[in-house]
Amino acid sequence: MNKLQPGSVLKINSSMRNWHQLENLSNFIKAMVSYGMNPVDLFEANDLFESGNMTQVQVSLLALAGKAKTKGLQSDADIKYSEKQERNSDDVTMKAGQCIIGLQMGQIDSNDYSTSLG
């Protein structure tokens, strides 16, 4: 983080003790927030420390790389930071969408009505 934003992590513990490692992770995550990362893109210290959610750690690091690229970091990686996408639909389109029943609501299958008799 100090390479991306100098001075963002002031204290780095070199000790291998658990609480020092957790403090390093906490400082790194705080630096990611100050760098402008969205809270939904962040991992928690225990995700990495206890190998709880390594997928979220990877997602966070990819999002950080994308954020760095939006701030001018030169990279060969084809990473883009997701940004807010607003959708503007008129009233007619919104009302038309209310008449559609999504598959999440359930789908009736003809096999649902079959019986064990055949």
PDB file of N, CA and C in Angstrom:
ATOM      1  N   MET A   1       0.832  -1.191   0.000  1.00  0.00           N
ATOM      2  CA  MET A   1       0.000   0.000   0.000  1.00  0.00           C
ATOM      3  C   MET A   1       0.876   1.253   0.000  1.00  0.00           C
ATOM      4  N   ASN A   2       2.008   1.181   0.658  1.00  0.00           N
ATOM      5  CA  ASN A   2       2.886   2.346   0.678  1.00  0.00           C
ATOM      6  C   ASN A   2       3.448   2.663  -0.705  1.00  0.00           C
ATOM      7  N   LYS A   3       3.511   1.688  -1.588  1.00  0.00           N
ATOM      8  CA  LYS A   3       3.936   1.939  -2.968  1.00  0.00           C
ATOM      9  C   LYS A   3       2.842   2.676  -3.736  1.00  0.00           C
ATOM     10  N   LEU A   4       1.586   2.323  -3.461  1.00  0.00           N
ATOM     11  CA  LEU A   4       0.461   2.958  -4.144  1.00  0.00           C
ATOM     12  C   LEU A   4       0.150   4.329  -3.559  1.00  0.00           C
ATOM     13  N   GLN A   5       0.216   4.417  -2.242  1.00  0.00           N
ATOM     14  CA  GLN A   5      -0.090   5.663  -1.534  1.00  0.00           C
ATOM     15  C   GLN A   5       0.943   5.811  -0.413  1.00  0.00           C
ATOM     16  N   PRO A   6       2.036   6.498  -0.674  1.00  0.00           N
ATOM     17  CA  PRO A   6       3.105   6.622   0.326  1.00  0.00           C
ATOM     18  C   PRO A   6       2.596   7.131   1.672  1.00  0.00           C
ATOM     19  N   GLY A   7       3.039   6.461   2.727  1.00  0.00           N
ATOM     20  CA  GLY A   7       2.665   6.852   4.080  1.00  0.00           C
ATOM     21  C   GLY A   7       1.312   6.328   4.528  1.00  0.00           C
ATOM     22  N   SER A   8       0.675   5.493   3.731  1.00  0.00           N
ATOM     23  CA  SER A   8      -0.666   5.014   4.106  1.00  0.00           C
ATOM     24  C   SER A   8      -0.613   3.970   5.218  1.00  0.00           C
ATOM     25  N   VAL A   9       0.473   3.216   5.306  1.00  0.00           N
ATOM     26  CA  VAL A   9       0.665   2.274   6.409  1.00  0.00           C
ATOM     27  C   VAL A   9       1.899   2.741   7.166  1.00  0.00           C
ATOM     28  N   LEU A  10       1.668   3.366   8.321  1.00  0.00           N
ATOM     29  CA  LEU A  10       2.767   3.960   9.077  1.00  0.00           C
ATOM     30  C   LEU A  10       3.546   2.937   9.887  1.00  0.00           C
ATOM     31  N   LYS A  11       2.858   1.923  10.390  1.00  0.00           N
ATOM     32  CA  LYS A  11       3.523   0.958  11.263  1.00  0.00           C
ATOM     33  C   LYS A  11       3.397  -0.438  10.648  1.00  0.00           C
ATOM     34  N   ILE A  12       4.543  -1.066  10.432  1.00  0.00           N
ATOM     35  CA  ILE A  12       4.572  -2.438   9.932  1.00  0.00           C
ATOM     36  C   ILE A  12       5.353  -3.280  10.929  1.00  0.00           C
ATOM     37  N   ASN A  13       4.672  -4.224  11.555  1.00  0.00           N
ATOM     38  CA  ASN A  13       5.302  -5.096  12.543  1.00  0.00           C
ATOM     39  C   ASN A  13       6.047  -6.220  11.837  1.00  0.00           C
ATOM     40  N   SER A  14       7.273  -6.461  12.241  1.00  0.00           N
ATOM     41  CA  SER A  14       8.042  -7.553  11.652  1.00  0.00           C
ATOM     42  C   SER A  14       7.967  -8.822  12.504  1.00  0.00           C
ATOM     43  N   SER A  15       7.330  -8.726  13.644  1.00  0.00           N
ATOM     44  CA  SER A  15       7.187  -9.872  14.542  1.00  0.00           C
ATOM     45  C   SER A  15       6.230 -10.905  13.928  1.00  0.00           C
ATOM     46  N   MET A  16       6.471 -12.164  14.234  1.00  0.00           N
ATOM     47  CA  MET A  16       5.598 -13.234  13.741  1.00  0.00           C
ATOM     48  C   MET A  16       4.496 -13.581  14.746  1.00  0.00           C
ATOM     49  N   ARG A  17       4.371 -12.795  15.779  1.00  0.00           N
ATOM     50  CA  ARG A  17       3.313 -13.041  16.766  1.00  0.00           C
ATOM     51  C   ARG A  17       1.952 -12.751  16.148  1.00  0.00           C
ATOM     52  N   ASN A  18       0.969 -13.506  16.579  1.00  0.00           N
ATOM     53  CA  ASN A  18      -0.364 -13.409  15.973  1.00  0.00           C
ATOM     54  C   ASN A  18      -0.948 -12.005  16.024  1.00  0.00           C
ATOM     55  N   TRP A  19      -0.874 -11.361  17.178  1.00  0.00           N
ATOM     56  CA  TRP A  19      -1.503 -10.048  17.280  1.00  0.00           C
ATOM     57  C   TRP A  19      -0.792  -9.006  16.423  1.00  0.00           C
ATOM     58  N   HIS A  20       0.519  -9.171  16.209  1.00  0.00           N
ATOM     59  CA  HIS A  20       1.233  -8.246  15.328  1.00  0.00           C
ATOM     60  C   HIS A  20       0.839  -8.467  13.871  1.00  0.00           C
ATOM     61  N   GLN A  21       0.661  -9.726  13.494  1.00  0.00           N
ATOM     62  CA  GLN A  21       0.219 -10.024  12.133  1.00  0.00           C
ATOM     63  C   GLN A  21      -1.194  -9.486  11.890  1.00  0.00           C
ATOM     64  N   LEU A  22      -2.071  -9.656  12.880  1.00  0.00           N
ATOM     65  CA  LEU A  22      -3.433  -9.120  12.762  1.00  0.00           C
ATOM     66  C   LEU A  22      -3.426  -7.594  12.682  1.00  0.00           C
ATOM     67  N   GLU A  23      -2.539  -6.964  13.429  1.00  0.00           N
ATOM     68  CA  GLU A  23      -2.419  -5.507  13.376  1.00  0.00           C
ATOM     69  C   GLU A  23      -1.946  -5.061  11.989  1.00  0.00           C
ATOM     70  N   ASN A  24      -1.004  -5.793  11.399  1.00  0.00           N
ATOM     71  CA  ASN A  24      -0.551  -5.477  10.041  1.00  0.00           C
ATOM     72  C   ASN A  24      -1.702  -5.571   9.042  1.00  0.00           C
ATOM     73  N   LEU A  25      -2.492  -6.628   9.158  1.00  0.00           N
ATOM     74  CA  LEU A  25      -3.644  -6.779   8.264  1.00  0.00           C
ATOM     75  C   LEU A  25      -4.648  -5.654   8.460  1.00  0.00           C
ATOM     76  N   SER A  26      -4.899  -5.309   9.710  1.00  0.00           N
ATOM     77  CA  SER A  26      -5.836  -4.218  10.006  1.00  0.00           C
ATOM     78  C   SER A  26      -5.337  -2.897   9.416  1.00  0.00           C
ATOM     79  N   ASN A  27      -4.048  -2.635   9.548  1.00  0.00           N
ATOM     80  CA  ASN A  27      -3.472  -1.409   8.981  1.00  0.00           C
ATOM     81  C   ASN A  27      -3.563  -1.403   7.458  1.00  0.00           C
ATOM     82  N   PHE A  28      -3.359  -2.561   6.846  1.00  0.00           N
ATOM     83  CA  PHE A  28      -3.470  -2.682   5.389  1.00  0.00           C
ATOM     84  C   PHE A  28      -4.904  -2.411   4.932  1.00  0.00           C
ATOM     85  N   ILE A  29      -5.869  -2.978   5.633  1.00  0.00           N
ATOM     86  CA  ILE A  29      -7.275  -2.786   5.270  1.00  0.00           C
ATOM     87  C   ILE A  29      -7.682  -1.320   5.448  1.00  0.00           C
ATOM     88  N   LYS A  30      -7.222  -0.684   6.529  1.00  0.00           N
ATOM     89  CA  LYS A  30      -7.514   0.741   6.728  1.00  0.00           C
ATOM     90  C   LYS A  30      -6.909   1.578   5.606  1.00  0.00           C
ATOM     91  N   ALA A  31      -5.720   1.194   5.154  1.00  0.00           N
ATOM     92  CA  ALA A  31      -5.076   1.913   4.057  1.00  0.00           C
ATOM     93  C   ALA A  31      -5.859   1.730   2.755  1.00  0.00           C
ATOM     94  N   MET A  32      -6.434   0.548   2.559  1.00  0.00           N
ATOM     95  CA  MET A  32      -7.267   0.315   1.372  1.00  0.00           C
ATOM     96  C   MET A  32      -8.494   1.228   1.389  1.00  0.00           C
ATOM     97  N   VAL A  33      -9.073   1.407   2.562  1.00  0.00           N
ATOM     98  CA  VAL A  33     -10.234   2.301   2.700  1.00  0.00           C
ATOM     99  C   VAL A  33      -9.830   3.733   2.379  1.00  0.00           C
ATOM    100  N   SER A  34      -8.698   4.174   2.920  1.00  0.00           N
ATOM    101  CA  SER A  34      -8.251   5.554   2.667  1.00  0.00           C
ATOM    102  C   SER A  34      -7.845   5.753   1.203  1.00  0.00           C
ATOM    103  N   TYR A  35      -7.530   4.669   0.509  1.00  0.00           N
ATOM    104  CA  TYR A  35      -7.174   4.726  -0.907  1.00  0.00           C
ATOM    105  C   TYR A  35      -8.409   4.896  -1.783  1.00  0.00           C
ATOM    106  N   GLY A  36      -9.587   4.639  -1.189  1.00  0.00           N
ATOM    107  CA  GLY A  36     -10.837   4.841  -1.918  1.00  0.00           C
ATOM    108  C   GLY A  36     -11.571   3.574  -2.296  1.00  0.00           C
ATOM    109  N   MET A  37     -11.195   2.467  -1.690  1.00  0.00           N
ATOM    110  CA  MET A  37     -11.868   1.203  -1.996  1.00  0.00           C
ATOM    111  C   MET A  37     -13.279   1.185  -1.419  1.00  0.00           C
ATOM    112  N   ASN A  38     -14.192   0.536  -2.125  1.00  0.00           N
ATOM    113  CA  ASN A  38     -15.556   0.365  -1.631  1.00  0.00           C
ATOM    114  C   ASN A  38     -15.557  -0.665  -0.503  1.00  0.00           C
ATOM    115  N   PRO A  39     -16.341  -0.452   0.534  1.00  0.00           N
ATOM    116  CA  PRO A  39     -16.384  -1.399   1.650  1.00  0.00           C
ATOM    117  C   PRO A  39     -16.754  -2.818   1.226  1.00  0.00           C
ATOM    118  N   VAL A  40     -17.579  -2.972   0.196  1.00  0.00           N
ATOM    119  CA  VAL A  40     -17.970  -4.316  -0.241  1.00  0.00           C
ATOM    120  C   VAL A  40     -16.810  -5.065  -0.885  1.00  0.00           C
ATOM    121  N   ASP A  41     -15.771  -4.347  -1.291  1.00  0.00           N
ATOM    122  CA  ASP A  41     -14.615  -4.976  -1.929  1.00  0.00           C
ATOM    123  C   ASP A  41     -13.538  -5.403  -0.940  1.00  0.00           C
ATOM    124  N   LEU A  42     -13.724  -5.115   0.325  1.00  0.00           N
ATOM    125  CA  LEU A  42     -12.691  -5.384   1.324  1.00  0.00           C
ATOM    126  C   LEU A  42     -12.833  -6.767   1.938  1.00  0.00           C
ATOM    127  N   PHE A  43     -11.710  -7.341   2.312  1.00  0.00           N
ATOM    128  CA  PHE A  43     -11.730  -8.573   3.087  1.00  0.00           C
ATOM    129  C   PHE A  43     -11.534  -8.220   4.551  1.00  0.00           C
ATOM    130  N   GLU A  44     -11.804  -9.169   5.408  1.00  0.00           N
ATOM    131  CA  GLU A  44     -11.566  -8.977   6.837  1.00  0.00           C
ATOM    132  C   GLU A  44     -10.267  -9.681   7.216  1.00  0.00           C
ATOM    133  N   ALA A  45      -9.648  -9.222   8.271  1.00  0.00           N
ATOM    134  CA  ALA A  45      -8.354  -9.781   8.676  1.00  0.00           C
ATOM    135  C   ALA A  45      -8.422 -11.292   8.864  1.00  0.00           C
ATOM    136  N   ASN A  46      -9.504 -11.789   9.449  1.00  0.00           N
ATOM    137  CA  ASN A  46      -9.623 -13.227   9.692  1.00  0.00           C
ATOM    138  C   ASN A  46      -9.792 -14.024   8.398  1.00  0.00           C
ATOM    139  N   ASP A  47     -10.280 -13.378   7.331  1.00  0.00           N
ATOM    140  CA  ASP A  47     -10.389 -14.070   6.053  1.00  0.00           C
ATOM    141  C   ASP A  47      -9.027 -14.578   5.596  1.00  0.00           C
ATOM    142  N   LEU A  48      -8.000 -13.794   5.834  1.00  0.00           N
ATOM    143  CA  LEU A  48      -6.652 -14.190   5.441  1.00  0.00           C
ATOM    144  C   LEU A  48      -5.930 -14.908   6.574  1.00  0.00           C
ATOM    145  N   PHE A  49      -6.058 -14.391   7.771  1.00  0.00           N
ATOM    146  CA  PHE A  49      -5.304 -14.915   8.907  1.00  0.00           C
ATOM    147  C   PHE A  49      -5.696 -16.353   9.233  1.00  0.00           C
ATOM    148  N   GLU A  50      -6.979 -16.637   9.194  1.00  0.00           N
ATOM    149  CA  GLU A  50      -7.453 -17.982   9.528  1.00  0.00           C
ATOM    150  C   GLU A  50      -7.852 -18.766   8.282  1.00  0.00           C
ATOM    151  N   SER A  51      -7.474 -18.263   7.116  1.00  0.00           N
ATOM    152  CA  SER A  51      -7.841 -18.878   5.833  1.00  0.00           C
ATOM    153  C   SER A  51      -9.350 -19.100   5.744  1.00  0.00           C
ATOM    154  N   GLY A  52     -10.089 -18.158   6.279  1.00  0.00           N
ATOM    155  CA  GLY A  52     -11.545 -18.286   6.315  1.00  0.00           C
ATOM    156  C   GLY A  52     -12.210 -18.104   4.967  1.00  0.00           C
ATOM    157  N   ASN A  53     -11.838 -17.043   4.250  1.00  0.00           N
ATOM    158  CA  ASN A  53     -12.495 -16.759   2.981  1.00  0.00           C
ATOM    159  C   ASN A  53     -11.444 -16.242   2.003  1.00  0.00           C
ATOM    160  N   MET A  54     -10.664 -17.154   1.477  1.00  0.00           N
ATOM    161  CA  MET A  54      -9.582 -16.760   0.569  1.00  0.00           C
ATOM    162  C   MET A  54     -10.111 -16.158  -0.729  1.00  0.00           C
ATOM    163  N   THR A  55     -11.324 -16.533  -1.115  1.00  0.00           N
ATOM    164  CA  THR A  55     -11.920 -15.951  -2.320  1.00  0.00           C
ATOM    165  C   THR A  55     -12.115 -14.456  -2.136  1.00  0.00           C
ATOM    166  N   GLN A  56     -12.594 -14.040  -0.964  1.00  0.00           N
ATOM    167  CA  GLN A  56     -12.796 -12.615  -0.704  1.00  0.00           C
ATOM    168  C   GLN A  56     -11.469 -11.874  -0.684  1.00  0.00           C
ATOM    169  N   VAL A  57     -10.425 -12.516  -0.197  1.00  0.00           N
ATOM    170  CA  VAL A  57      -9.090 -11.899  -0.203  1.00  0.00           C
ATOM    171  C   VAL A  57      -8.659 -11.656  -1.644  1.00  0.00           C
ATOM    172  N   GLN A  58      -8.852 -12.651  -2.500  1.00  0.00           N
ATOM    173  CA  GLN A  58      -8.482 -12.510  -3.909  1.00  0.00           C
ATOM    174  C   GLN A  58      -9.300 -11.427  -4.592  1.00  0.00           C
ATOM    175  N   VAL A  59     -10.592 -11.392  -4.316  1.00  0.00           N
ATOM    176  CA  VAL A  59     -11.465 -10.368  -4.895  1.00  0.00           C
ATOM    177  C   VAL A  59     -10.996  -8.985  -4.462  1.00  0.00           C
ATOM    178  N   SER A  60     -10.626  -8.852  -3.205  1.00  0.00           N
ATOM    179  CA  SER A  60     -10.148  -7.567  -2.687  1.00  0.00           C
ATOM    180  C   SER A  60      -8.870  -7.116  -3.374  1.00  0.00           C
ATOM    181  N   LEU A  61      -7.940  -8.046  -3.543  1.00  0.00           N
ATOM    182  CA  LEU A  61      -6.671  -7.688  -4.171  1.00  0.00           C
ATOM    183  C   LEU A  61      -6.856  -7.333  -5.654  1.00  0.00           C
ATOM    184  N   LEU A  62      -7.746  -8.030  -6.336  1.00  0.00           N
ATOM    185  CA  LEU A  62      -8.040  -7.679  -7.727  1.00  0.00           C
ATOM    186  C   LEU A  62      -8.722  -6.315  -7.813  1.00  0.00           C
ATOM    187  N   ALA A  63      -9.625  -6.043  -6.881  1.00  0.00           N
ATOM    188  CA  ALA A  63     -10.281  -4.734  -6.847  1.00  0.00           C
ATOM    189  C   ALA A  63      -9.267  -3.634  -6.549  1.00  0.00           C
ATOM    190  N   LEU A  64      -8.317  -3.912  -5.674  1.00  0.00           N
ATOM    191  CA  LEU A  64      -7.260  -2.941  -5.371  1.00  0.00           C
ATOM    192  C   LEU A  64      -6.415  -2.670  -6.610  1.00  0.00           C
ATOM    193  N   ALA A  65      -6.084  -3.726  -7.351  1.00  0.00           N
ATOM    194  CA  ALA A  65      -5.314  -3.538  -8.587  1.00  0.00           C
ATOM    195  C   ALA A  65      -6.099  -2.700  -9.592  1.00  0.00           C
ATOM    196  N   GLY A  66      -7.401  -2.954  -9.683  1.00  0.00           N
ATOM    197  CA  GLY A  66      -8.236  -2.155 -10.575  1.00  0.00           C
ATOM    198  C   GLY A  66      -8.310  -0.703 -10.143  1.00  0.00           C
ATOM    199  N   LYS A  67      -8.422  -0.469  -8.841  1.00  0.00           N
ATOM    200  CA  LYS A  67      -8.468   0.899  -8.308  1.00  0.00           C
ATOM    201  C   LYS A  67      -7.160   1.617  -8.595  1.00  0.00           C
ATOM    202  N   ALA A  68      -6.042   0.911  -8.412  1.00  0.00           N
ATOM    203  CA  ALA A  68      -4.727   1.504  -8.676  1.00  0.00           C
ATOM    204  C   ALA A  68      -4.595   1.874 -10.145  1.00  0.00           C
ATOM    205  N   LYS A  69      -5.158   1.053 -11.015  1.00  0.00           N
ATOM    206  CA  LYS A  69      -5.104   1.336 -12.445  1.00  0.00           C
ATOM    207  C   LYS A  69      -5.915   2.587 -12.782  1.00  0.00           C
ATOM    208  N   THR A  70      -7.048   2.779 -12.109  1.00  0.00           N
ATOM    209  CA  THR A  70      -7.844   3.999 -12.350  1.00  0.00           C
ATOM    210  C   THR A  70      -7.123   5.246 -11.861  1.00  0.00           C
ATOM    211  N   LYS A  71      -6.179   5.057 -10.939  1.00  0.00           N
ATOM    212  CA  LYS A  71      -5.411   6.193 -10.416  1.00  0.00           C
ATOM    213  C   LYS A  71      -4.086   6.379 -11.143  1.00  0.00           C
ATOM    214  N   GLY A  72      -3.916   5.647 -12.269  1.00  0.00           N
ATOM    215  CA  GLY A  72      -2.745   5.892 -13.099  1.00  0.00           C
ATOM    216  C   GLY A  72      -1.637   4.872 -13.024  1.00  0.00           C
ATOM    217  N   LEU A  73      -1.784   3.808 -12.250  1.00  0.00           N
ATOM    218  CA  LEU A  73      -0.754   2.783 -12.188  1.00  0.00           C
ATOM    219  C   LEU A  73      -0.675   2.073 -13.540  1.00  0.00           C
ATOM    220  N   GLN A  74       0.510   1.976 -14.085  1.00  0.00           N
ATOM    221  CA  GLN A  74       0.711   1.284 -15.354  1.00  0.00           C
ATOM    222  C   GLN A  74       0.844  -0.208 -15.089  1.00  0.00           C
ATOM    223  N   SER A  75       0.044  -0.999 -15.779  1.00  0.00           N
ATOM    224  CA  SER A  75       0.056  -2.441 -15.577  1.00  0.00           C
ATOM    225  C   SER A  75      -0.330  -3.139 -16.870  1.00  0.00           C
ATOM    226  N   ASP A  76       0.218  -4.328 -17.063  1.00  0.00           N
ATOM    227  CA  ASP A  76      -0.153  -5.136 -18.220  1.00  0.00           C
ATOM    228  C   ASP A  76      -1.443  -5.906 -17.972  1.00  0.00           C
ATOM    229  N   ALA A  77      -1.836  -6.007 -16.721  1.00  0.00           N
ATOM    230  CA  ALA A  77      -3.042  -6.759 -16.379  1.00  0.00           C
ATOM    231  C   ALA A  77      -4.279  -6.028 -16.884  1.00  0.00           C
ATOM    232  N   ASP A  78      -5.208  -6.787 -17.402  1.00  0.00           N
ATOM    233  CA  ASP A  78      -6.455  -6.211 -17.916  1.00  0.00           C
ATOM    234  C   ASP A  78      -7.504  -6.239 -16.808  1.00  0.00           C
ATOM    235  N   ILE A  79      -7.360  -5.311 -15.867  1.00  0.00           N
ATOM    236  CA  ILE A  79      -8.234  -5.246 -14.703  1.00  0.00           C
ATOM    237  C   ILE A  79      -8.924  -3.890 -14.717  1.00  0.00           C
ATOM    238  N   LYS A  80     -10.227  -3.911 -14.459  1.00  0.00           N
ATOM    239  CA  LYS A  80     -10.983  -2.666 -14.398  1.00  0.00           C
ATOM    240  C   LYS A  80     -11.741  -2.633 -13.079  1.00  0.00           C
ATOM    241  N   TYR A  81     -11.683  -1.496 -12.407  1.00  0.00           N
ATOM    242  CA  TYR A  81     -12.392  -1.332 -11.144  1.00  0.00           C
ATOM    243  C   TYR A  81     -13.858  -1.057 -11.438  1.00  0.00           C
ATOM    244  N   SER A  82     -14.739  -1.789 -10.792  1.00  0.00           N
ATOM    245  CA  SER A  82     -16.170  -1.595 -11.048  1.00  0.00           C
ATOM    246  C   SER A  82     -16.623  -0.269 -10.460  1.00  0.00           C
ATOM    247  N   GLU A  83     -17.436   0.405 -11.221  1.00  0.00           N
ATOM    248  CA  GLU A  83     -17.963   1.688 -10.787  1.00  0.00           C
ATOM    249  C   GLU A  83     -19.479   1.626 -10.791  1.00  0.00           C
ATOM    250  N   LYS A  84     -20.076   2.596 -10.168  1.00  0.00           N
ATOM    251  CA  LYS A  84     -21.526   2.645 -10.071  1.00  0.00           C
ATOM    252  C   LYS A  84     -22.138   2.791 -11.455  1.00  0.00           C
ATOM    253  N   GLN A  85     -23.134   1.966 -11.712  1.00  0.00           N
ATOM    254  CA  GLN A  85     -23.845   2.048 -12.976  1.00  0.00           C
ATOM    255  C   GLN A  85     -25.301   2.376 -12.679  1.00  0.00           C
ATOM    256  N   GLU A  86     -25.717   3.541 -13.103  1.00  0.00           N
ATOM    257  CA  GLU A  86     -27.101   3.935 -12.887  1.00  0.00           C
ATOM    258  C   GLU A  86     -27.926   3.557 -14.095  1.00  0.00           C
ATOM    259  N   ARG A  87     -29.117   3.088 -13.832  1.00  0.00           N
ATOM    260  CA  ARG A  87     -30.029   2.745 -14.902  1.00  0.00           C
ATOM    261  C   ARG A  87     -31.209   3.698 -14.857  1.00  0.00           C
ATOM    262  N   ASN A  88     -31.499   4.255 -15.979  1.00  0.00           N
ATOM    263  CA  ASN A  88     -32.624   5.191 -16.074  1.00  0.00           C
ATOM    264  C   ASN A  88     -33.684   4.579 -16.980  1.00  0.00           C
ATOM    265  N   SER A  89     -34.759   4.149 -16.383  1.00  0.00           N
ATOM    266  CA  SER A  89     -35.855   3.557 -17.133  1.00  0.00           C
ATOM    267  C   SER A  89     -37.082   4.429 -16.978  1.00  0.00           C
ATOM    268  N   ASP A  90     -37.820   4.553 -18.049  1.00  0.00           N
ATOM    269  CA  ASP A  90     -39.042   5.353 -17.983  1.00  0.00           C
ATOM    270  C   ASP A  90     -40.148   4.541 -17.306  1.00  0.00           C
ATOM    271  N   ASP A  91     -41.265   5.188 -17.005  1.00  0.00           N
ATOM    272  CA  ASP A  91     -42.364   4.535 -16.290  1.00  0.00           C
ATOM    273  C   ASP A  91     -42.942   3.358 -17.067  1.00  0.00           C
ATOM    274  N   VAL A  92     -43.001   3.457 -18.382  1.00  0.00           N
ATOM    275  CA  VAL A  92     -43.556   2.378 -19.199  1.00  0.00           C
ATOM    276  C   VAL A  92     -42.706   1.115 -19.054  1.00  0.00           C
ATOM    277  N   THR A  93     -41.394   1.264 -19.113  1.00  0.00           N
ATOM    278  CA  THR A  93     -40.494   0.118 -18.973  1.00  0.00           C
ATOM    279  C   THR A  93     -40.596  -0.483 -17.575  1.00  0.00           C
ATOM    280  N   MET A  94     -40.681   0.350 -16.550  1.00  0.00           N
ATOM    281  CA  MET A  94     -40.791  -0.141 -15.184  1.00  0.00           C
ATOM    282  C   MET A  94     -42.093  -0.917 -14.983  1.00  0.00           C
ATOM    283  N   LYS A  95     -43.210  -0.422 -15.526  1.00  0.00           N
ATOM    284  CA  LYS A  95     -44.495  -1.120 -15.388  1.00  0.00           C
ATOM    285  C   LYS A  95     -44.488  -2.429 -16.157  1.00  0.00           C
ATOM    286  N   ALA A  96     -43.831  -2.464 -17.302  1.00  0.00           N
ATOM    287  CA  ALA A  96     -43.745  -3.699 -18.080  1.00  0.00           C
ATOM    288  C   ALA A  96     -42.984  -4.764 -17.306  1.00  0.00           C
ATOM    289  N   GLY A  97     -41.983  -4.373 -16.565  1.00  0.00           N
ATOM    290  CA  GLY A  97     -41.206  -5.317 -15.780  1.00  0.00           C
ATOM    291  C   GLY A  97     -41.977  -5.908 -14.617  1.00  0.00           C
ATOM    292  N   GLN A  98     -43.011  -5.228 -14.149  1.00  0.00           N
ATOM    293  CA  GLN A  98     -43.805  -5.733 -13.034  1.00  0.00           C
ATOM    294  C   GLN A  98     -44.671  -6.919 -13.441  1.00  0.00           C
ATOM    295  N   CYS A  99     -44.901  -7.095 -14.721  1.00  0.00           N
ATOM    296  CA  CYS A  99     -45.751  -8.178 -15.212  1.00  0.00           C
ATOM    297  C   CYS A  99     -44.972  -9.466 -15.460  1.00  0.00           C
ATOM    298  N   ILE A 100     -43.667  -9.423 -15.342  1.00  0.00           N
ATOM    299  CA  ILE A 100     -42.842 -10.592 -15.623  1.00  0.00           C
ATOM    300  C   ILE A 100     -42.564 -11.338 -14.324  1.00  0.00           C
ATOM    301  N   ILE A 101     -42.810 -12.634 -14.353  1.00  0.00           N
ATOM    302  CA  ILE A 101     -42.506 -13.473 -13.200  1.00  0.00           C
ATOM    303  C   ILE A 101     -41.170 -14.140 -13.472  1.00  0.00           C
ATOM    304  N   GLY A 102     -40.220 -13.849 -12.624  1.00  0.00           N
ATOM    305  CA  GLY A 102     -38.886 -14.408 -12.805  1.00  0.00           C
ATOM    306  C   GLY A 102     -38.832 -15.875 -12.443  1.00  0.00           C
ATOM    307  N   LEU A 103     -37.803 -16.551 -12.901  1.00  0.00           N
ATOM    308  CA  LEU A 103     -37.641 -17.966 -12.578  1.00  0.00           C
ATOM    309  C   LEU A 103     -37.396 -18.187 -11.092  1.00  0.00           C
ATOM    310  N   GLN A 104     -36.937 -17.147 -10.415  1.00  0.00           N
ATOM    311  CA  GLN A 104     -36.711 -17.283  -8.983  1.00  0.00           C
ATOM    312  C   GLN A 104     -38.027 -17.493  -8.238  1.00  0.00           C
ATOM    313  N   MET A 105     -39.120 -17.075  -8.845  1.00  0.00           N
ATOM    314  CA  MET A 105     -40.425 -17.202  -8.197  1.00  0.00           C
ATOM    315  C   MET A 105     -40.925 -18.644  -8.239  1.00  0.00           C
ATOM    316  N   GLY A 106     -40.298 -19.444  -9.037  1.00  0.00           N
ATOM    317  CA  GLY A 106     -40.702 -20.837  -9.156  1.00  0.00           C
ATOM    318  C   GLY A 106     -41.244 -21.112 -10.539  1.00  0.00           C
ATOM    319  N   GLN A 107     -41.031 -22.304 -10.975  1.00  0.00           N
ATOM    320  CA  GLN A 107     -41.493 -22.687 -12.297  1.00  0.00           C
ATOM    321  C   GLN A 107     -42.239 -23.997 -12.153  1.00  0.00           C
ATOM    322  N   ILE A 108     -43.391 -24.059 -12.763  1.00  0.00           N
ATOM    323  CA  ILE A 108     -44.170 -25.291 -12.699  1.00  0.00           C
ATOM    324  C   ILE A 108     -43.689 -26.198 -13.807  1.00  0.00           C
ATOM    325  N   ASP A 109     -43.323 -27.400 -13.428  1.00  0.00           N
ATOM    326  CA  ASP A 109     -42.848 -28.386 -14.389  1.00  0.00           C
ATOM    327  C   ASP A 109     -43.920 -29.459 -14.516  1.00  0.00           C
ATOM    328  N   SER A 110     -44.126 -29.937 -15.694  1.00  0.00           N
ATOM    329  CA  SER A 110     -45.171 -30.942 -15.904  1.00  0.00           C
ATOM    330  C   SER A 110     -44.885 -32.203 -15.093  1.00  0.00           C
ATOM    331  N   ASN A 111     -43.628 -32.458 -14.781  1.00  0.00           N
ATOM    332  CA  ASN A 111     -43.279 -33.646 -13.996  1.00  0.00           C
ATOM    333  C   ASN A 111     -43.669 -33.512 -12.527  1.00  0.00           C
ATOM    334  N   ASP A 112     -43.957 -32.278 -12.086  1.00  0.00           N
ATOM    335  CA  ASP A 112     -44.363 -32.082 -10.707  1.00  0.00           C
ATOM    336  C   ASP A 112     -45.697 -32.757 -10.404  1.00  0.00           C
ATOM    337  N   TYR A 113     -46.503 -32.947 -11.418  1.00  0.00           N
ATOM    338  CA  TYR A 113     -47.841 -33.497 -11.202  1.00  0.00           C
ATOM    339  C   TYR A 113     -47.902 -35.016 -11.431  1.00  0.00           C
ATOM    340  N   SER A 114     -46.773 -35.617 -11.749  1.00  0.00           N
ATOM    341  CA  SER A 114     -46.772 -37.061 -11.967  1.00  0.00           C
ATOM    342  C   SER A 114     -46.885 -37.767 -10.635  1.00  0.00           C
ATOM    343  N   THR A 115     -47.412 -38.951 -10.673  1.00  0.00           N
ATOM    344  CA  THR A 115     -47.566 -39.741  -9.452  1.00  0.00           C
ATOM    345  C   THR A 115     -46.751 -41.011  -9.577  1.00  0.00           C
ATOM    346  N   SER A 116     -46.666 -41.717  -8.512  1.00  0.00           N
ATOM    347  CA  SER A 116     -45.909 -42.961  -8.545  1.00  0.00           C
ATOM    348  C   SER A 116     -46.645 -44.042  -9.339  1.00  0.00           C
ATOM    349  N   LEU A 117     -47.931 -43.808  -9.648  1.00  0.00           N
ATOM    350  CA  LEU A 117     -48.685 -44.788 -10.412  1.00  0.00           C
ATOM    351  C   LEU A 117     -48.315 -44.759 -11.883  1.00  0.00           C
ATOM    352  N   GLY A 118     -47.674 -43.721 -12.325  1.00  0.00           N
ATOM    353  CA  GLY A 118     -47.243 -43.726 -13.712  1.00  0.00           C
ATOM    354  C   GLY A 118     -47.767 -42.601 -14.458  1.00  0.00           C
TER     355      GLY A 118
END
